[in-house]
Amino acid sequence: MYHPLSYVSVICLGGLMLLGTVAQAQTGHRGPDLGKIASEIGVQQSALQSCLGDRPKPGNRHERPDAGKIASCLSKAGHSSTAQAVEKALAAAAPPSRV
């Protein structure tokens, strides 16, 4: 016969494992800070988001955006921004490279 505390310890251990898994999932890569990028370019975040398109689904990596296409899209929307300014803002917001 098992001691009643062994059931409690198994339940507690399971709970701790679940919390660890949830915490690990929440610390994953969140993507670039669009507010920061938009601020550096001098446009509204909504304008930048519309030129970037939809975010990738979880588990899929987004290809690096083309600064020229984003600058062109922003220009068509009435914002004056250059490809160089967009590239600089994207580079500043890029996640650190993994080794």
Protein backbone atom coordinates (compact mmCIF):
# COMPACT_ATOMS: atom_id res chain seq x y z
CA MET A 1 0.00 0.00 0.00
CA TYR A 2 1.25 3.47 -0.92
CA HIS A 3 1.66 6.28 1.53
CA PRO A 4 -0.88 9.13 0.97
CA LEU A 5 1.94 11.67 0.65
CA SER A 6 3.29 9.84 -2.39
CA TYR A 7 0.09 10.73 -4.31
CA VAL A 8 0.42 14.36 -3.28
CA SER A 9 4.06 14.47 -4.35
CA VAL A 10 3.21 12.96 -7.75
CA ILE A 11 0.47 15.55 -8.27
CA CYS A 12 2.79 18.40 -7.21
CA LEU A 13 5.55 17.16 -9.49
CA GLY A 14 3.13 16.98 -12.41
CA GLY A 15 1.97 20.53 -11.71
CA LEU A 16 5.53 21.81 -11.63
CA MET A 17 6.29 20.10 -14.94
CA LEU A 18 3.20 21.71 -16.48
CA LEU A 19 4.20 25.16 -15.22
CA GLY A 20 7.71 24.71 -16.58
CA THR A 21 6.36 23.77 -20.00
CA VAL A 22 4.01 26.77 -20.09
CA ALA A 23 6.78 29.14 -18.98
CA GLN A 24 9.11 27.80 -21.66
CA ALA A 25 6.46 28.22 -24.35
CA GLN A 26 5.88 31.83 -23.32
CA THR A 27 9.54 32.79 -23.53
CA GLY A 28 9.88 31.81 -27.19
CA HIS A 29 10.69 34.25 -29.98
CA ARG A 30 7.98 36.88 -30.28
CA GLY A 31 9.13 38.58 -33.44
CA PRO A 32 10.35 42.12 -33.97
CA ASP A 33 8.93 45.07 -32.07
CA LEU A 34 6.85 46.69 -34.80
CA GLY A 35 6.25 49.78 -32.69
CA LYS A 36 9.98 50.39 -32.41
CA ILE A 37 10.54 49.82 -36.13
CA ALA A 38 7.65 52.12 -37.06
CA SER A 39 8.95 54.81 -34.71
CA GLU A 40 12.44 54.64 -36.22
CA ILE A 41 11.02 54.91 -39.74
CA GLY A 42 8.62 57.69 -38.72
CA VAL A 43 5.34 55.96 -39.65
CA GLN A 44 2.38 54.60 -37.76
CA GLN A 45 2.58 50.98 -36.65
CA SER A 46 -0.63 50.14 -38.54
CA ALA A 47 0.90 51.41 -41.80
CA LEU A 48 4.01 49.31 -41.26
CA GLN A 49 1.94 46.24 -40.37
CA SER A 50 -0.14 46.55 -43.53
CA CYS A 51 3.02 46.73 -45.64
CA LEU A 52 4.57 43.74 -43.87
CA GLY A 53 1.46 41.60 -44.29
CA ASP A 54 0.18 38.95 -41.95
CA ARG A 55 2.42 37.47 -39.29
CA PRO A 56 3.45 33.86 -39.86
CA LYS A 57 1.56 31.13 -38.08
CA PRO A 58 3.17 29.73 -34.93
CA GLY A 59 6.00 27.38 -35.80
CA ASN A 60 6.69 29.04 -39.16
CA ARG A 61 9.52 31.51 -39.62
CA HIS A 62 8.89 34.67 -41.56
CA GLU A 63 11.38 35.47 -44.28
CA ARG A 64 13.37 38.64 -43.76
CA PRO A 65 11.29 41.52 -45.15
CA ASP A 66 12.51 43.33 -48.25
CA ALA A 67 13.24 46.93 -47.20
CA GLY A 68 12.74 48.19 -50.76
CA LYS A 69 9.27 46.67 -51.01
CA ILE A 70 8.29 48.02 -47.60
CA ALA A 71 9.53 51.53 -48.50
CA SER A 72 7.63 51.37 -51.79
CA CYS A 73 4.46 50.23 -50.02
CA LEU A 74 4.80 53.00 -47.44
CA SER A 75 5.35 55.56 -50.22
CA LYS A 76 2.18 54.41 -51.98
CA ALA A 77 0.35 54.89 -48.67
CA GLY A 78 1.58 58.50 -48.48
CA HIS A 79 4.59 58.10 -46.17
CA SER A 80 8.03 59.29 -47.14
CA SER A 81 10.58 56.70 -46.17
CA THR A 82 13.62 55.31 -47.90
CA ALA A 83 14.75 51.74 -48.29
CA GLN A 84 17.90 52.63 -46.34
CA ALA A 85 15.85 53.91 -43.38
CA VAL A 86 13.68 50.80 -43.43
CA GLU A 87 16.73 48.52 -43.65
CA LYS A 88 18.38 50.31 -40.73
CA ALA A 89 15.24 49.97 -38.58
CA LEU A 90 14.84 46.29 -39.49
CA ALA A 91 18.47 45.58 -38.67
CA ALA A 92 18.16 47.31 -35.29
CA ALA A 93 15.10 45.22 -34.42
CA ALA A 94 16.47 41.90 -35.72
CA PRO A 95 16.86 39.14 -33.15
CA PRO A 96 20.42 38.23 -32.20
CA SER A 97 21.96 35.57 -34.40
CA ARG A 98 22.03 32.05 -33.02
CA VAL A 99 25.36 30.31 -32.94
